[in-house]
Every structure is written in C-alpha cells, then in structure tokens.
C-alpha cells in the first residue's frame, strides 16, 4: 500500500511542468560537465538546429505577440543548451 502511494506521488511530481523544466535545465547544465561522445554531440547539435527552426517558424506564424509570451524563457533555455554543447 505504501509503495502505491509513494509511486503515485512521484508520478504527480514528474507530471508537473515546473518540475520538468527544472530537471531539463539541470540536465543541460550536466551536459557542460560530462564529456559527450561525438555521435551524441552531433545528435544534440541537430536537435538544437531543429528546435531553433521550429521556434523561428512558430514566431513567424504568430499573429499577436501575446500568443508566444513564453518566448524569452524558451530563448534562454535553447541558448543555454547550445552553449552547453560547446
């Protein structure tokens, strides 16, 4: 019974978007410390370029700036990700 309650709390914690964003940023910071193999580095660089193009297309198709209000935070996270790959 205790295991089910504990597991449910972990699932509820993981589903929250603020926790996922914090874990993502910590993961990006870990990429700065851990040496990456070349194939993984290439995959992350292609993911970064794809994400940048997706953000560009999304910002071009917004009719009002309020629709993409999270843009500064997304730009900060993607810039941090790109810098971690250097």
N, C-alpha and C. Protein backbone atom coordinates (compact mmCIF):
# COMPACT_ATOMS: atom_id res chain seq x y z
N UNK A 1 0.82 -1.19 0.00
CA UNK A 1 0.00 0.00 0.00
C UNK A 1 0.87 1.26 0.00
N UNK A 2 1.91 1.25 0.84
CA UNK A 2 2.80 2.41 0.91
C UNK A 2 3.53 2.63 -0.40
N UNK A 3 3.89 1.54 -1.10
CA UNK A 3 4.59 1.66 -2.38
C UNK A 3 3.71 2.32 -3.43
N UNK A 4 2.43 2.00 -3.43
CA UNK A 4 1.50 2.59 -4.40
C UNK A 4 1.35 4.09 -4.13
N UNK A 5 1.25 4.47 -2.88
CA UNK A 5 1.12 5.89 -2.55
C UNK A 5 2.40 6.65 -2.91
N UNK A 6 3.54 6.06 -2.62
CA UNK A 6 4.81 6.70 -2.95
C UNK A 6 5.00 6.82 -4.45
N UNK A 7 4.64 5.77 -5.18
CA UNK A 7 4.77 5.80 -6.63
C UNK A 7 3.84 6.85 -7.22
N UNK A 8 2.63 6.98 -6.69
CA UNK A 8 1.68 7.98 -7.18
C UNK A 8 2.21 9.38 -6.94
N UNK A 9 2.88 9.61 -5.81
CA UNK A 9 3.45 10.94 -5.55
C UNK A 9 4.55 11.27 -6.55
N UNK A 10 5.38 10.28 -6.90
CA UNK A 10 6.43 10.53 -7.88
C UNK A 10 5.83 10.83 -9.25
N UNK A 11 4.78 10.13 -9.62
CA UNK A 11 4.14 10.39 -10.91
C UNK A 11 3.55 11.78 -10.93
N UNK A 12 2.90 12.19 -9.86
CA UNK A 12 2.33 13.54 -9.80
C UNK A 12 3.42 14.60 -9.84
N UNK A 13 4.57 14.30 -9.23
CA UNK A 13 5.67 15.25 -9.24
C UNK A 13 6.29 15.38 -10.63
N UNK A 14 6.42 14.28 -11.33
CA UNK A 14 7.03 14.29 -12.66
C UNK A 14 6.11 14.95 -13.69
N UNK A 15 4.80 14.82 -13.51
CA UNK A 15 3.85 15.38 -14.48
C UNK A 15 3.83 16.90 -14.42
N UNK A 16 4.18 17.49 -13.29
CA UNK A 16 4.14 18.94 -13.17
C UNK A 16 5.16 19.58 -14.11
N UNK A 17 4.75 20.62 -14.81
CA UNK A 17 5.62 21.22 -15.83
C UNK A 17 6.78 22.00 -15.22
N UNK A 18 6.59 22.60 -14.06
CA UNK A 18 7.69 23.35 -13.47
C UNK A 18 8.82 22.43 -13.01
N UNK A 19 8.46 21.25 -12.54
CA UNK A 19 9.48 20.29 -12.14
C UNK A 19 10.22 19.77 -13.37
N UNK A 20 9.48 19.51 -14.44
CA UNK A 20 10.11 19.04 -15.67
C UNK A 20 11.05 20.10 -16.24
N UNK A 21 10.66 21.36 -16.18
CA UNK A 21 11.52 22.43 -16.69
C UNK A 21 12.80 22.53 -15.85
N UNK A 22 12.67 22.42 -14.55
CA UNK A 22 13.85 22.47 -13.68
C UNK A 22 14.77 21.28 -13.94
N UNK A 23 14.21 20.09 -14.11
CA UNK A 23 15.03 18.91 -14.42
C UNK A 23 15.71 19.05 -15.78
N UNK A 24 15.02 19.66 -16.73
CA UNK A 24 15.61 19.88 -18.05
C UNK A 24 16.79 20.84 -17.98
N UNK A 25 16.66 21.90 -17.21
CA UNK A 25 17.76 22.85 -17.07
C UNK A 25 18.95 22.24 -16.33
N UNK A 26 18.67 21.42 -15.34
CA UNK A 26 19.76 20.74 -14.63
C UNK A 26 20.45 19.76 -15.57
N UNK A 27 19.69 19.09 -16.41
CA UNK A 27 20.27 18.17 -17.39
C UNK A 27 21.16 18.92 -18.37
N UNK A 28 20.72 20.08 -18.81
CA UNK A 28 21.53 20.90 -19.72
C UNK A 28 22.83 21.31 -19.04
N UNK A 29 22.75 21.68 -17.78
CA UNK A 29 23.97 22.04 -17.06
C UNK A 29 24.89 20.84 -16.88
N UNK A 30 24.33 19.65 -16.74
CA UNK A 30 25.15 18.44 -16.62
C UNK A 30 25.90 18.16 -17.93
N UNK A 31 25.32 18.56 -19.06
CA UNK A 31 26.00 18.37 -20.34
C UNK A 31 27.30 19.15 -20.42
N UNK A 32 27.39 20.24 -19.65
CA UNK A 32 28.63 21.02 -19.64
C UNK A 32 29.75 20.28 -18.94
N UNK A 33 29.41 19.42 -18.01
CA UNK A 33 30.40 18.73 -17.19
C UNK A 33 30.80 17.40 -17.79
N UNK A 34 29.82 16.66 -18.29
CA UNK A 34 30.05 15.31 -18.78
C UNK A 34 30.57 15.37 -20.22
N UNK A 35 31.70 14.72 -20.52
CA UNK A 35 32.17 14.67 -21.91
C UNK A 35 31.25 13.78 -22.75
N UNK A 36 30.88 14.25 -23.91
CA UNK A 36 29.95 13.53 -24.77
C UNK A 36 30.70 12.85 -25.91
N UNK A 37 30.27 11.67 -26.30
CA UNK A 37 30.85 11.05 -27.50
C UNK A 37 30.44 11.85 -28.74
N UNK A 38 31.23 11.80 -29.79
CA UNK A 38 30.96 12.61 -30.98
C UNK A 38 29.59 12.36 -31.61
N UNK A 39 29.12 11.12 -31.63
CA UNK A 39 27.83 10.86 -32.26
C UNK A 39 26.69 11.48 -31.46
N UNK A 40 26.80 11.46 -30.14
CA UNK A 40 25.78 12.09 -29.30
C UNK A 40 25.83 13.60 -29.43
N UNK A 41 27.01 14.14 -29.55
CA UNK A 41 27.17 15.57 -29.74
C UNK A 41 26.55 16.00 -31.07
N UNK A 42 26.76 15.22 -32.12
CA UNK A 42 26.15 15.51 -33.42
C UNK A 42 24.63 15.46 -33.35
N UNK A 43 24.10 14.48 -32.63
CA UNK A 43 22.64 14.36 -32.50
C UNK A 43 22.07 15.55 -31.73
N UNK A 44 22.75 15.98 -30.67
CA UNK A 44 22.27 17.14 -29.91
C UNK A 44 22.37 18.42 -30.72
N UNK A 45 23.41 18.56 -31.53
CA UNK A 45 23.52 19.74 -32.39
C UNK A 45 22.42 19.78 -33.44
N UNK A 46 22.09 18.64 -34.01
CA UNK A 46 20.99 18.61 -34.97
C UNK A 46 19.65 18.88 -34.28
N UNK A 47 19.50 18.39 -33.05
CA UNK A 47 18.29 18.70 -32.28
C UNK A 47 18.20 20.19 -32.00
N UNK A 48 19.33 20.81 -31.70
CA UNK A 48 19.35 22.24 -31.42
C UNK A 48 18.98 23.05 -32.66
N UNK A 49 19.50 22.69 -33.81
CA UNK A 49 19.17 23.40 -35.04
C UNK A 49 17.70 23.21 -35.39
N UNK A 50 17.19 22.01 -35.21
CA UNK A 50 15.77 21.75 -35.47
C UNK A 50 14.88 22.56 -34.54
N UNK A 51 15.25 22.63 -33.27
CA UNK A 51 14.48 23.41 -32.31
C UNK A 51 14.52 24.90 -32.67
N UNK A 52 15.67 25.38 -33.10
CA UNK A 52 15.79 26.79 -33.49
C UNK A 52 14.90 27.11 -34.69
N UNK A 53 14.87 26.20 -35.66
CA UNK A 53 13.99 26.41 -36.81
C UNK A 53 12.52 26.35 -36.42
N UNK A 54 12.19 25.46 -35.51
CA UNK A 54 10.81 25.37 -35.03
C UNK A 54 10.39 26.64 -34.32
N UNK A 55 11.26 27.19 -33.50
CA UNK A 55 10.95 28.44 -32.80
C UNK A 55 10.81 29.59 -33.80
N UNK A 56 11.66 29.61 -34.81
CA UNK A 56 11.57 30.65 -35.84
C UNK A 56 10.25 30.58 -36.59
N UNK A 57 9.86 29.38 -36.99
CA UNK A 57 8.60 29.23 -37.73
C UNK A 57 7.41 29.58 -36.84
N UNK A 58 7.46 29.16 -35.58
CA UNK A 58 6.37 29.50 -34.66
C UNK A 58 6.25 31.00 -34.46
N UNK A 59 7.38 31.68 -34.33
CA UNK A 59 7.33 33.13 -34.12
C UNK A 59 6.87 33.86 -35.38
N UNK A 60 7.13 33.31 -36.55
CA UNK A 60 6.68 33.95 -37.78
C UNK A 60 5.17 33.81 -37.98
N UNK A 61 4.59 32.72 -37.50
CA UNK A 61 3.17 32.48 -37.71
C UNK A 61 2.28 33.02 -36.60
N UNK A 62 2.84 33.64 -35.58
CA UNK A 62 2.02 34.23 -34.52
C UNK A 62 1.44 35.55 -35.01
N UNK A 63 0.14 35.71 -34.82
CA UNK A 63 -0.48 36.95 -35.26
C UNK A 63 -0.34 38.05 -34.21
N UNK A 64 -0.30 37.65 -32.94
CA UNK A 64 -0.10 38.62 -31.85
C UNK A 64 1.05 38.15 -30.99
N UNK A 65 1.77 39.08 -30.43
CA UNK A 65 2.93 38.70 -29.62
C UNK A 65 2.53 38.02 -28.31
N UNK A 66 1.31 38.22 -27.87
CA UNK A 66 0.84 37.61 -26.63
C UNK A 66 0.71 36.09 -26.78
N UNK A 67 0.53 35.62 -28.00
CA UNK A 67 0.37 34.19 -28.22
C UNK A 67 1.65 33.41 -27.94
N UNK A 68 2.78 34.07 -27.99
CA UNK A 68 4.06 33.40 -27.75
C UNK A 68 4.78 34.14 -26.61
N UNK A 69 4.09 34.32 -25.50
CA UNK A 69 4.61 35.08 -24.37
C UNK A 69 5.76 34.37 -23.68
N UNK A 70 5.90 33.08 -23.88
CA UNK A 70 6.97 32.32 -23.23
C UNK A 70 8.27 32.39 -24.03
N UNK A 71 8.29 33.16 -25.09
CA UNK A 71 9.46 33.24 -25.97
C UNK A 71 10.77 33.56 -25.23
N UNK A 72 10.82 34.54 -24.31
CA UNK A 72 12.10 34.80 -23.63
C UNK A 72 12.63 33.59 -22.85
N UNK A 73 11.76 32.86 -22.20
CA UNK A 73 12.20 31.68 -21.45
C UNK A 73 12.67 30.58 -22.39
N UNK A 74 11.98 30.40 -23.50
CA UNK A 74 12.39 29.39 -24.48
C UNK A 74 13.73 29.78 -25.10
N UNK A 75 13.89 31.05 -25.40
CA UNK A 75 15.15 31.52 -25.96
C UNK A 75 16.30 31.33 -24.99
N UNK A 76 16.06 31.59 -23.72
CA UNK A 76 17.09 31.39 -22.70
C UNK A 76 17.47 29.92 -22.58
N UNK A 77 16.49 29.03 -22.55
CA UNK A 77 16.77 27.60 -22.42
C UNK A 77 17.51 27.06 -23.64
N UNK A 78 17.10 27.47 -24.84
CA UNK A 78 17.77 26.97 -26.04
C UNK A 78 19.20 27.53 -26.16
N UNK A 79 19.40 28.77 -25.73
CA UNK A 79 20.74 29.34 -25.74
C UNK A 79 21.64 28.61 -24.74
N UNK A 80 21.10 28.30 -23.59
CA UNK A 80 21.85 27.54 -22.59
C UNK A 80 22.21 26.14 -23.12
N UNK A 81 21.27 25.53 -23.81
CA UNK A 81 21.52 24.21 -24.40
C UNK A 81 22.63 24.29 -25.45
N UNK A 82 22.59 25.30 -26.29
CA UNK A 82 23.61 25.46 -27.33
C UNK A 82 24.98 25.72 -26.73
N UNK A 83 25.02 26.55 -25.68
CA UNK A 83 26.28 26.84 -25.02
C UNK A 83 26.83 25.61 -24.31
N UNK A 84 25.96 24.75 -23.83
CA UNK A 84 26.44 23.55 -23.15
C UNK A 84 27.07 22.58 -24.13
N UNK A 85 26.71 22.66 -25.40
CA UNK A 85 27.30 21.78 -26.40
C UNK A 85 28.69 22.23 -26.86
N UNK A 86 29.02 23.47 -26.58
CA UNK A 86 30.36 23.94 -26.93
C UNK A 86 31.31 23.40 -25.92
